[in-house]
Structure formats: C-alpha cells, structure tokens
Amino acid sequence: MTACAGNNIKQQENPTEQPKPNKTIEVSNNSEIILSDFPVEPTTEPSMTSDVETSITATDKEPKSNQPKIKIVNFTFDKFEITGDNKDLLKQHAEFLIANPSYVLSVNGHTDYRGPELYNEKLSLRRANTVASVLISYGAPESQLIINSFGSSKPVENDDNWFQNRRVELEYSELYMVSK
C-alpha cells in the first residue's frame, strides 16, 4: 500500500519488488506527479520551452551535507506512537530536508508477522503517517515525503526478531530535473 504526504503525488505500486536505485517522477499536464521505476538519464541543460515534457530522476546516493545516520524508528507491539528519543531523531531528519530541497524521503512502515495481514498493512501505514506527521510538525515540506506501507512483507533478517521488524525506515533519494 502506498500513500503520499504531498497533495498531487502518486506512486506506482509493486510492494513485492525491491527498491530500484533510480526512479522517475513525471509531471503530467494537470500538474500531477507520478513516480515510476523507469530510469531517465539526467542532463545538465534543462529546456525552457513549454512543449517539452519535464521529468525528475531520483537516485539513491549519499547527500552532500549532514544526513542523519540513524534511519530507523522502532515501535512497541501494536503501537504507532513516537517516543522522545525518536522525536529528536525525526527533528534532525526534518532539518536535513529543509536544508536539502533536492532530496525526498521515503517513509516506509513495517510490522512483525504477528496478526492478520490486513491489520498489519494498516498498522504499518499508521506508523509511517505518524512519522511523516512529526517530520511535518518540525517543518519538513510535505512535498519531500513519500509514505509506503509494507505490513509484515519485508522482515529484517528473520521473522522472529519482532522488535526490529516493528519499524519505519527512512530512505533518501536526490531529485534531478531533466528534459525529454
């Protein structure tokens, strides 16, 4: 299940596929932004004509500034509340997004395998939405957040490590404007 904090952003779904290093964001005629997994080679000279379609390429690479090192927020069983230590961590991530507008942050919610699949999907989405809400409350722009819900489909190492599987992972991608 995929959602987005920005108003006009949709992500093409395929939760069983591993994330790709390159993603393309296309801007349609009605200003809707669509993410896809088809890479577009970035160019250095964007066209200024109105009949040229514009797209944005996202690549997973290390940022030029101080990206927070910790990128996982863990949760207690069946909960989606943020603790004090995690609030400090999320404030660092919000400050990074504010200082680096060319980056987007995927907020990926997960659960352990206990409980029905549909319930876990909804719980992982609540966790991701809670993290996104805290980031926004610290000033992170909604347009830089992409919310994903994976339920229990992507466990860390093994299913029995319940605490590590109850998490939200934060993954950065940098965007480049290109012409087609």
N, C-alpha and C. Protein backbone atom coordinates (compact mmCIF):
# COMPACT_ATOMS: atom_id res chain seq x y z
N MET A 1 0.85 -1.17 0.00
CA MET A 1 0.00 0.00 0.00
C MET A 1 0.90 1.23 0.00
N THR A 2 0.57 2.21 -0.80
CA THR A 2 1.39 3.40 -0.91
C THR A 2 0.52 4.64 -0.81
N ALA A 3 1.01 5.62 -0.09
CA ALA A 3 0.34 6.90 0.02
C ALA A 3 1.41 7.97 -0.01
N CYS A 4 1.00 9.21 -0.05
CA CYS A 4 2.00 10.27 -0.07
C CYS A 4 1.49 11.45 0.72
N ALA A 5 2.41 12.11 1.39
CA ALA A 5 2.04 13.28 2.16
C ALA A 5 1.77 14.48 1.28
N GLY A 6 2.38 14.58 0.12
CA GLY A 6 2.14 15.68 -0.81
C GLY A 6 0.77 15.57 -1.44
N ASN A 7 0.21 16.66 -1.90
CA ASN A 7 -1.15 16.65 -2.42
C ASN A 7 -1.30 15.92 -3.73
N ASN A 8 -0.38 16.06 -4.68
CA ASN A 8 -0.57 15.54 -6.02
C ASN A 8 0.41 14.44 -6.37
N ILE A 9 0.87 13.66 -5.43
CA ILE A 9 1.87 12.65 -5.74
C ILE A 9 1.25 11.28 -5.63
N LYS A 10 1.47 10.42 -6.65
CA LYS A 10 1.02 9.03 -6.64
C LYS A 10 2.22 8.16 -6.94
N GLN A 11 2.36 7.06 -6.24
CA GLN A 11 3.44 6.13 -6.56
C GLN A 11 2.85 4.88 -7.15
N GLN A 12 3.47 4.40 -8.25
CA GLN A 12 3.02 3.16 -8.84
C GLN A 12 3.38 2.04 -7.89
N GLU A 13 2.39 1.17 -7.59
CA GLU A 13 2.57 0.14 -6.59
C GLU A 13 3.15 -1.14 -7.14
N ASN A 14 4.04 -1.73 -6.39
CA ASN A 14 4.51 -3.08 -6.58
C ASN A 14 5.32 -3.43 -5.33
N PRO A 15 4.63 -3.72 -4.20
CA PRO A 15 5.32 -3.88 -2.93
C PRO A 15 6.24 -5.09 -2.88
N THR A 16 6.13 -6.04 -3.79
CA THR A 16 6.99 -7.21 -3.74
C THR A 16 8.34 -6.97 -4.37
N GLU A 17 8.48 -5.92 -5.19
CA GLU A 17 9.76 -5.62 -5.83
C GLU A 17 10.67 -4.89 -4.86
N GLN A 18 11.98 -5.12 -4.98
CA GLN A 18 12.96 -4.38 -4.21
C GLN A 18 13.07 -2.97 -4.78
N PRO A 19 13.42 -1.96 -3.94
CA PRO A 19 13.56 -0.61 -4.47
C PRO A 19 14.69 -0.55 -5.49
N LYS A 20 14.49 0.27 -6.52
CA LYS A 20 15.47 0.46 -7.57
C LYS A 20 16.34 1.67 -7.23
N PRO A 21 17.59 1.70 -7.69
CA PRO A 21 18.41 2.85 -7.40
C PRO A 21 17.96 4.11 -8.13
N ASN A 22 17.26 3.98 -9.25
CA ASN A 22 16.78 5.14 -9.99
C ASN A 22 15.27 5.07 -10.10
N LYS A 23 14.61 6.21 -9.87
CA LYS A 23 13.17 6.32 -10.04
C LYS A 23 12.92 7.57 -10.85
N THR A 24 11.84 7.59 -11.58
CA THR A 24 11.49 8.76 -12.37
C THR A 24 10.20 9.35 -11.83
N ILE A 25 10.17 10.66 -11.71
CA ILE A 25 8.97 11.37 -11.34
C ILE A 25 8.58 12.18 -12.57
N GLU A 26 7.38 11.97 -13.08
CA GLU A 26 6.92 12.71 -14.24
C GLU A 26 5.83 13.68 -13.83
N VAL A 27 5.84 14.86 -14.43
CA VAL A 27 4.84 15.88 -14.17
C VAL A 27 3.90 15.89 -15.37
N SER A 28 2.63 15.53 -15.14
CA SER A 28 1.64 15.47 -16.23
C SER A 28 1.10 16.87 -16.53
N ASN A 29 0.29 16.98 -17.56
CA ASN A 29 -0.28 18.27 -17.96
C ASN A 29 -1.11 18.91 -16.86
N ASN A 30 -1.75 18.11 -16.01
CA ASN A 30 -2.57 18.66 -14.93
C ASN A 30 -1.79 18.79 -13.63
N SER A 31 -0.45 18.85 -13.70
CA SER A 31 0.46 19.06 -12.57
C SER A 31 0.46 17.91 -11.58
N GLU A 32 0.03 16.73 -11.99
CA GLU A 32 0.08 15.56 -11.14
C GLU A 32 1.47 14.94 -11.27
N ILE A 33 2.07 14.55 -10.17
CA ILE A 33 3.41 13.96 -10.18
C ILE A 33 3.27 12.46 -10.02
N ILE A 34 3.92 11.69 -10.91
CA ILE A 34 3.81 10.24 -10.91
C ILE A 34 5.20 9.64 -10.79
N LEU A 35 5.41 8.76 -9.78
CA LEU A 35 6.68 8.07 -9.61
C LEU A 35 6.65 6.77 -10.39
N SER A 36 7.75 6.42 -11.04
CA SER A 36 7.86 5.13 -11.70
C SER A 36 9.28 4.63 -11.57
N ASP A 37 9.49 3.35 -11.88
CA ASP A 37 10.80 2.74 -11.73
C ASP A 37 11.61 2.75 -13.01
N PHE A 38 11.25 3.54 -13.99
CA PHE A 38 11.99 3.60 -15.23
C PHE A 38 13.02 4.71 -15.15
N PRO A 39 14.32 4.38 -15.19
CA PRO A 39 15.33 5.42 -15.04
C PRO A 39 15.38 6.35 -16.25
N VAL A 40 15.65 7.60 -15.98
CA VAL A 40 15.86 8.59 -17.02
C VAL A 40 17.25 9.17 -16.79
N GLU A 41 18.04 9.25 -17.83
CA GLU A 41 19.39 9.80 -17.70
C GLU A 41 19.29 11.30 -17.47
N PRO A 42 19.94 11.83 -16.41
CA PRO A 42 19.89 13.26 -16.18
C PRO A 42 20.72 14.02 -17.22
N THR A 43 20.25 15.21 -17.57
CA THR A 43 21.01 16.08 -18.45
C THR A 43 21.38 17.33 -17.69
N THR A 44 22.36 18.05 -18.17
CA THR A 44 22.80 19.24 -17.46
C THR A 44 22.09 20.50 -17.91
N GLU A 45 21.45 20.49 -19.09
CA GLU A 45 20.78 21.68 -19.59
C GLU A 45 19.27 21.45 -19.70
N PRO A 46 18.46 21.95 -18.75
CA PRO A 46 17.02 21.80 -18.89
C PRO A 46 16.48 22.74 -19.96
N SER A 47 15.50 22.30 -20.70
CA SER A 47 14.89 23.10 -21.76
C SER A 47 13.89 24.06 -21.14
N MET A 48 13.76 25.23 -21.69
CA MET A 48 12.85 26.23 -21.16
C MET A 48 11.58 26.35 -22.00
N THR A 49 11.39 25.52 -23.03
CA THR A 49 10.20 25.62 -23.86
C THR A 49 9.03 24.94 -23.18
N SER A 50 7.82 25.45 -23.44
CA SER A 50 6.64 24.93 -22.75
C SER A 50 6.14 23.61 -23.32
N ASP A 51 6.54 23.24 -24.55
CA ASP A 51 6.06 21.99 -25.12
C ASP A 51 6.96 20.80 -24.80
N VAL A 52 7.98 21.01 -24.01
CA VAL A 52 8.89 19.93 -23.63
C VAL A 52 8.40 19.32 -22.33
N GLU A 53 8.28 17.99 -22.31
CA GLU A 53 7.87 17.28 -21.10
C GLU A 53 9.04 17.27 -20.12
N THR A 54 8.78 17.53 -18.86
CA THR A 54 9.83 17.55 -17.85
C THR A 54 9.66 16.36 -16.93
N SER A 55 10.76 15.76 -16.54
CA SER A 55 10.71 14.70 -15.54
C SER A 55 11.82 14.91 -14.55
N ILE A 56 11.72 14.21 -13.45
CA ILE A 56 12.71 14.31 -12.40
C ILE A 56 13.24 12.91 -12.15
N THR A 57 14.55 12.77 -12.02
CA THR A 57 15.13 11.47 -11.72
C THR A 57 15.59 11.47 -10.27
N ALA A 58 15.23 10.41 -9.56
CA ALA A 58 15.68 10.25 -8.18
C ALA A 58 16.74 9.17 -8.14
N THR A 59 17.87 9.48 -7.54
CA THR A 59 18.91 8.47 -7.40
C THR A 59 19.25 8.32 -5.93
N ASP A 60 19.50 7.09 -5.52
CA ASP A 60 19.88 6.82 -4.14
C ASP A 60 21.39 7.00 -4.04
N LYS A 61 21.81 8.15 -3.50
CA LYS A 61 23.23 8.38 -3.30
C LYS A 61 23.40 9.20 -2.04
N GLU A 62 24.59 9.19 -1.53
CA GLU A 62 24.86 9.90 -0.29
C GLU A 62 24.73 11.41 -0.51
N PRO A 63 24.11 12.10 0.42
CA PRO A 63 23.95 13.54 0.29
C PRO A 63 25.26 14.28 0.50
N LYS A 64 25.29 15.53 0.07
CA LYS A 64 26.48 16.35 0.21
C LYS A 64 26.59 16.95 1.60
N SER A 65 25.53 16.95 2.36
CA SER A 65 25.57 17.54 3.69
C SER A 65 25.32 16.48 4.76
N ASN A 66 24.95 16.90 5.94
CA ASN A 66 24.87 16.02 7.11
C ASN A 66 23.56 15.27 7.23
N GLN A 67 23.41 14.22 6.45
CA GLN A 67 22.23 13.37 6.55
C GLN A 67 22.30 12.61 7.87
N PRO A 68 21.21 12.57 8.64
CA PRO A 68 21.23 11.82 9.90
C PRO A 68 21.61 10.35 9.66
N LYS A 69 22.45 9.81 10.52
CA LYS A 69 22.94 8.43 10.35
C LYS A 69 21.88 7.39 10.70
N ILE A 70 21.10 7.64 11.74
CA ILE A 70 20.07 6.68 12.15
C ILE A 70 18.85 6.88 11.27
N LYS A 71 18.41 5.81 10.62
CA LYS A 71 17.29 5.91 9.67
C LYS A 71 16.18 4.91 9.98
N ILE A 72 16.12 4.46 11.24
CA ILE A 72 15.07 3.51 11.63
C ILE A 72 14.42 4.00 12.92
N VAL A 73 13.10 3.99 12.93
CA VAL A 73 12.32 4.31 14.13
C VAL A 73 11.59 3.02 14.51
N ASN A 74 11.85 2.50 15.72
CA ASN A 74 11.20 1.27 16.17
C ASN A 74 9.98 1.59 17.04
N PHE A 75 9.08 0.60 17.12
CA PHE A 75 7.82 0.77 17.85
C PHE A 75 7.59 -0.42 18.78
N THR A 76 6.80 -0.18 19.82
CA THR A 76 6.41 -1.29 20.69
C THR A 76 5.27 -2.05 20.02
N PHE A 77 4.96 -3.22 20.55
CA PHE A 77 3.95 -4.09 19.96
C PHE A 77 2.61 -3.39 19.82
N ASP A 78 2.05 -3.43 18.60
CA ASP A 78 0.71 -2.94 18.29
C ASP A 78 0.54 -1.43 18.54
N LYS A 79 1.64 -0.67 18.50
CA LYS A 79 1.59 0.78 18.75
C LYS A 79 2.16 1.55 17.56
N PHE A 80 1.79 2.84 17.49
CA PHE A 80 2.35 3.70 16.46
C PHE A 80 2.73 5.08 17.02
N GLU A 81 2.89 5.17 18.35
CA GLU A 81 3.29 6.42 18.97
C GLU A 81 4.81 6.59 18.91
N ILE A 82 5.25 7.86 18.83
CA ILE A 82 6.66 8.20 18.75
C ILE A 82 7.17 8.54 20.16
N THR A 83 8.33 7.98 20.53
CA THR A 83 8.93 8.26 21.83
C THR A 83 9.82 9.50 21.76
N GLY A 84 10.27 9.99 22.92
CA GLY A 84 11.10 11.20 22.99
C GLY A 84 12.39 11.12 22.19
N ASP A 85 13.14 10.00 22.31
CA ASP A 85 14.39 9.86 21.56
C ASP A 85 14.13 9.90 20.06
N ASN A 86 13.05 9.26 19.64
CA ASN A 86 12.72 9.25 18.21
C ASN A 86 12.29 10.63 17.73
N LYS A 87 11.69 11.43 18.60
CA LYS A 87 11.32 12.80 18.21
C LYS A 87 12.57 13.61 17.90
N ASP A 88 13.61 13.45 18.72
CA ASP A 88 14.88 14.14 18.46
C ASP A 88 15.47 13.70 17.12
N LEU A 89 15.42 12.40 16.84
CA LEU A 89 15.92 11.87 15.57
C LEU A 89 15.13 12.45 14.39
N LEU A 90 13.82 12.48 14.51
CA LEU A 90 12.98 12.99 13.43
C LEU A 90 13.18 14.49 13.23
N LYS A 91 13.49 15.21 14.30
CA LYS A 91 13.79 16.64 14.15
C LYS A 91 15.05 16.82 13.30
N GLN A 92 16.05 15.95 13.48
CA GLN A 92 17.27 16.00 12.66
C GLN A 92 16.94 15.73 11.19
N HIS A 93 16.07 14.76 10.93
CA HIS A 93 15.68 14.44 9.55
C HIS A 93 14.90 15.62 8.93
N ALA A 94 14.03 16.25 9.70
CA ALA A 94 13.28 17.40 9.19
C ALA A 94 14.23 18.54 8.84
N GLU A 95 15.20 18.79 9.71
CA GLU A 95 16.17 19.85 9.44
C GLU A 95 16.98 19.55 8.19
N PHE A 96 17.32 18.28 7.98
CA PHE A 96 18.05 17.89 6.77
C PHE A 96 17.20 18.16 5.52
N LEU A 97 15.92 17.79 5.56
CA LEU A 97 15.04 18.01 4.41
C LEU A 97 14.87 19.50 4.12
N ILE A 98 14.75 20.30 5.14
CA ILE A 98 14.61 21.75 4.96
C ILE A 98 15.86 22.31 4.29
N ALA A 99 17.03 21.85 4.72
CA ALA A 99 18.30 22.35 4.18
C ALA A 99 18.64 21.75 2.82
N ASN A 100 17.97 20.67 2.42
CA ASN A 100 18.28 19.96 1.17
C ASN A 100 17.01 19.73 0.37
N PRO A 101 16.48 20.76 -0.29
CA PRO A 101 15.21 20.62 -1.00
C PRO A 101 15.27 19.69 -2.22
N SER A 102 16.45 19.28 -2.64
CA SER A 102 16.54 18.35 -3.79
C SER A 102 16.40 16.89 -3.35
N TYR A 103 16.18 16.65 -2.07
CA TYR A 103 16.01 15.28 -1.57
C TYR A 103 14.56 15.00 -1.22
N VAL A 104 14.14 13.75 -1.47
CA VAL A 104 12.86 13.26 -0.99
C VAL A 104 13.14 12.14 0.00
N LEU A 105 12.24 11.95 0.92
CA LEU A 105 12.40 10.93 1.96
C LEU A 105 11.25 9.94 1.86
N SER A 106 11.59 8.68 1.60
CA SER A 106 10.59 7.61 1.64
C SER A 106 10.44 7.18 3.09
N VAL A 107 9.22 7.22 3.58
CA VAL A 107 8.90 6.84 4.96
C VAL A 107 8.20 5.49 4.84
N ASN A 108 8.93 4.40 5.14
CA ASN A 108 8.47 3.03 4.88
C ASN A 108 8.07 2.33 6.17
N GLY A 109 6.77 2.10 6.35
CA GLY A 109 6.25 1.46 7.55
C GLY A 109 6.26 -0.05 7.45
N HIS A 110 6.61 -0.72 8.58
CA HIS A 110 6.69 -2.18 8.65
C HIS A 110 6.11 -2.68 9.98
N THR A 111 5.76 -3.96 10.02
CA THR A 111 5.32 -4.62 11.26
C THR A 111 6.01 -5.98 11.37
N ASP A 112 5.87 -6.61 12.55
CA ASP A 112 6.28 -8.01 12.63
C ASP A 112 5.15 -8.87 12.04
N TYR A 113 5.34 -10.17 11.97
CA TYR A 113 4.37 -11.02 11.27
C TYR A 113 3.15 -11.41 12.11
N ARG A 114 3.16 -11.08 13.40
CA ARG A 114 2.02 -11.45 14.25
C ARG A 114 0.81 -10.61 13.88
N GLY A 115 -0.33 -11.25 13.76
CA GLY A 115 -1.57 -10.56 13.44
C GLY A 115 -1.95 -10.75 11.99
N PRO A 116 -3.22 -10.47 11.65
CA PRO A 116 -3.71 -10.62 10.27
C PRO A 116 -2.98 -9.66 9.32
N GLU A 117 -2.83 -10.07 8.08
CA GLU A 117 -2.10 -9.29 7.07
C GLU A 117 -2.70 -7.90 6.87
N LEU A 118 -4.02 -7.82 6.73
CA LEU A 118 -4.68 -6.54 6.52
C LEU A 118 -4.46 -5.60 7.71
N TYR A 119 -4.55 -6.14 8.92
CA TYR A 119 -4.32 -5.33 10.11
C TYR A 119 -2.88 -4.79 10.11
N ASN A 120 -1.91 -5.65 9.76
CA ASN A 120 -0.51 -5.23 9.72
C ASN A 120 -0.27 -4.16 8.66
N GLU A 121 -0.95 -4.27 7.53
CA GLU A 121 -0.85 -3.22 6.48
C GLU A 121 -1.30 -1.87 7.06
N LYS A 122 -2.43 -1.88 7.72
CA LYS A 122 -2.97 -0.63 8.27
C LYS A 122 -2.08 -0.09 9.40
N LEU A 123 -1.56 -0.98 10.25
CA LEU A 123 -0.69 -0.55 11.34
C LEU A 123 0.61 0.05 10.79
N SER A 124 1.18 -0.58 9.77
CA SER A 124 2.42 -0.04 9.20
C SER A 124 2.15 1.31 8.54
N LEU A 125 0.98 1.50 7.95
CA LEU A 125 0.63 2.80 7.37
C LEU A 125 0.45 3.84 8.47
N ARG A 126 -0.17 3.47 9.58
CA ARG A 126 -0.32 4.41 10.72
C ARG A 126 1.05 4.83 11.24
N ARG A 127 1.97 3.87 11.33
CA ARG A 127 3.33 4.18 11.79
C ARG A 127 4.01 5.16 10.84
N ALA A 128 3.93 4.89 9.55
CA ALA A 128 4.55 5.78 8.56
C ALA A 128 3.90 7.16 8.59
N ASN A 129 2.58 7.22 8.69
CA ASN A 129 1.88 8.51 8.77
C ASN A 129 2.25 9.29 10.02
N THR A 130 2.42 8.58 11.14
CA THR A 130 2.82 9.24 12.39
C THR A 130 4.20 9.85 12.25
N VAL A 131 5.13 9.10 11.66
CA VAL A 131 6.48 9.62 11.45
C VAL A 131 6.42 10.84 10.52
N ALA A 132 5.67 10.74 9.44
CA ALA A 132 5.54 11.86 8.50
C ALA A 132 4.93 13.08 9.20
N SER A 133 3.94 12.88 10.04
CA SER A 133 3.31 13.99 10.76
C SER A 133 4.30 14.70 11.67
N VAL A 134 5.13 13.93 12.36
CA VAL A 134 6.14 14.53 13.23
C VAL A 134 7.16 15.31 12.40
N LEU A 135 7.59 14.73 11.27
CA LEU A 135 8.53 15.45 10.38
C LEU A 135 7.93 16.78 9.91
N ILE A 136 6.66 16.75 9.51
CA ILE A 136 5.98 17.96 9.05
C ILE A 136 5.85 18.97 10.19
N SER A 137 5.57 18.49 11.40
CA SER A 137 5.45 19.41 12.54
C SER A 137 6.77 20.11 12.84
N TYR A 138 7.90 19.51 12.45
CA TYR A 138 9.21 20.14 12.61
C TYR A 138 9.61 20.95 11.38
N GLY A 139 8.71 21.09 10.42
CA GLY A 139 8.96 21.97 9.28
C GLY A 139 9.34 21.28 7.98
N ALA A 140 9.42 19.95 7.96
CA ALA A 140 9.74 19.26 6.71
C ALA A 140 8.61 19.46 5.71
N PRO A 141 8.93 19.84 4.46
CA PRO A 141 7.88 20.04 3.46
C PRO A 141 7.19 18.72 3.09
N GLU A 142 5.86 18.74 3.04
CA GLU A 142 5.10 17.54 2.64
C GLU A 142 5.54 17.03 1.28
N SER A 143 5.92 17.93 0.39
CA SER A 143 6.29 17.54 -0.97
C SER A 143 7.57 16.72 -1.03
N GLN A 144 8.32 16.66 0.07
CA GLN A 144 9.55 15.87 0.11
C GLN A 144 9.35 14.52 0.79
N LEU A 145 8.11 14.15 1.09
CA LEU A 145 7.83 12.90 1.79
C LEU A 145 7.00 11.96 0.92
N ILE A 146 7.39 10.70 0.91
CA ILE A 146 6.63 9.64 0.23
C ILE A 146 6.38 8.56 1.27
N ILE A 147 5.13 8.21 1.49
CA ILE A 147 4.77 7.25 2.53
C ILE A 147 4.45 5.90 1.91
N ASN A 148 5.09 4.85 2.43
CA ASN A 148 4.86 3.48 1.96
C ASN A 148 4.51 2.59 3.15
N SER A 149 3.64 1.62 2.90
CA SER A 149 3.22 0.67 3.93
C SER A 149 3.50 -0.74 3.42
N PHE A 150 4.32 -1.50 4.15
CA PHE A 150 4.68 -2.85 3.72
C PHE A 150 4.15 -3.95 4.65
N GLY A 151 3.48 -3.59 5.73
CA GLY A 151 2.99 -4.61 6.66
C GLY A 151 4.14 -5.48 7.13
N SER A 152 3.95 -6.79 7.10
CA SER A 152 4.99 -7.74 7.54
C SER A 152 5.74 -8.36 6.37
N SER A 153 5.58 -7.80 5.16
CA SER A 153 6.13 -8.42 3.95
C SER A 153 7.65 -8.30 3.79
N LYS A 154 8.30 -7.41 4.54
CA LYS A 154 9.75 -7.21 4.41
C LYS A 154 10.42 -7.25 5.78
N PRO A 155 10.53 -8.45 6.36
CA PRO A 155 11.16 -8.54 7.68
C PRO A 155 12.67 -8.27 7.63
N VAL A 156 13.21 -7.83 8.77
CA VAL A 156 14.65 -7.65 8.93
C VAL A 156 15.23 -9.01 9.29
N GLU A 157 16.19 -9.49 8.55
CA GLU A 157 16.91 -10.74 8.75
C GLU A 157 16.02 -11.95 9.00
N ASN A 158 15.31 -12.03 10.14
CA ASN A 158 14.39 -13.14 10.33
C ASN A 158 13.12 -12.66 11.02
N ASP A 159 12.06 -13.42 10.83
CA ASP A 159 10.75 -13.03 11.34
C ASP A 159 10.67 -12.98 12.87
N ASP A 160 11.53 -13.72 13.55
CA ASP A 160 11.41 -13.83 15.00
C ASP A 160 11.99 -12.63 15.75
N ASN A 161 12.67 -11.74 15.08
CA ASN A 161 13.20 -10.55 15.73
C ASN A 161 12.10 -9.48 15.69
N TRP A 162 11.11 -9.66 16.52
CA TRP A 162 9.89 -8.86 16.47
C TRP A 162 10.15 -7.37 16.62
N PHE A 163 10.96 -6.97 17.59
CA PHE A 163 11.19 -5.54 17.83
C PHE A 163 11.79 -4.87 16.60
N GLN A 164 12.80 -5.48 15.98
CA GLN A 164 13.44 -4.87 14.81
C GLN A 164 12.50 -4.82 13.61
N ASN A 165 11.51 -5.70 13.55
CA ASN A 165 10.57 -5.69 12.44
C ASN A 165 9.46 -4.65 12.62
N ARG A 166 9.25 -4.19 13.84
CA ARG A 166 8.25 -3.15 14.10
C ARG A 166 8.95 -1.80 13.92
N ARG A 167 8.95 -1.29 12.68
CA ARG A 167 9.81 -0.15 12.39
C ARG A 167 9.26 0.71 11.25
N VAL A 168 9.82 1.91 11.16
CA VAL A 168 9.70 2.76 9.98
C VAL A 168 11.13 3.04 9.53
N GLU A 169 11.39 2.74 8.26
CA GLU A 169 12.70 3.01 7.67
C GLU A 169 12.62 4.31 6.88
N LEU A 170 13.67 5.11 6.97
CA LEU A 170 13.75 6.38 6.27
C LEU A 170 14.81 6.27 5.19
N GLU A 171 14.41 6.44 3.92
CA GLU A 171 15.34 6.29 2.79
C GLU A 171 15.32 7.56 1.94
N TYR A 172 16.51 8.14 1.76
CA TYR A 172 16.64 9.37 0.96
C TYR A 172 16.93 9.07 -0.50
N SER A 173 16.41 9.92 -1.38
CA SER A 173 16.74 9.93 -2.80
C SER A 173 16.89 11.39 -3.21
N GLU A 174 17.85 11.66 -4.09
CA GLU A 174 18.03 13.02 -4.60
C GLU A 174 17.36 13.14 -5.95
N LEU A 175 16.72 14.28 -6.21
CA LEU A 175 15.99 14.51 -7.46
C LEU A 175 16.79 15.41 -8.37
N TYR A 176 16.72 15.11 -9.66
CA TYR A 176 17.34 15.95 -10.71
C TYR A 176 16.29 16.27 -11.75
N MET A 177 16.24 17.52 -12.21
CA MET A 177 15.33 17.91 -13.29
C MET A 177 16.00 17.59 -14.62
N VAL A 178 15.26 16.96 -15.52
CA VAL A 178 15.78 16.64 -16.85
C VAL A 178 14.72 16.94 -17.89
N SER A 179 15.14 17.05 -19.14
CA SER A 179 14.20 17.26 -20.26
C SER A 179 14.10 16.01 -21.08
N LYS A 180 12.95 15.82 -21.71
CA LYS A 180 12.76 14.66 -22.60
C LYS A 180 12.73 15.13 -24.03
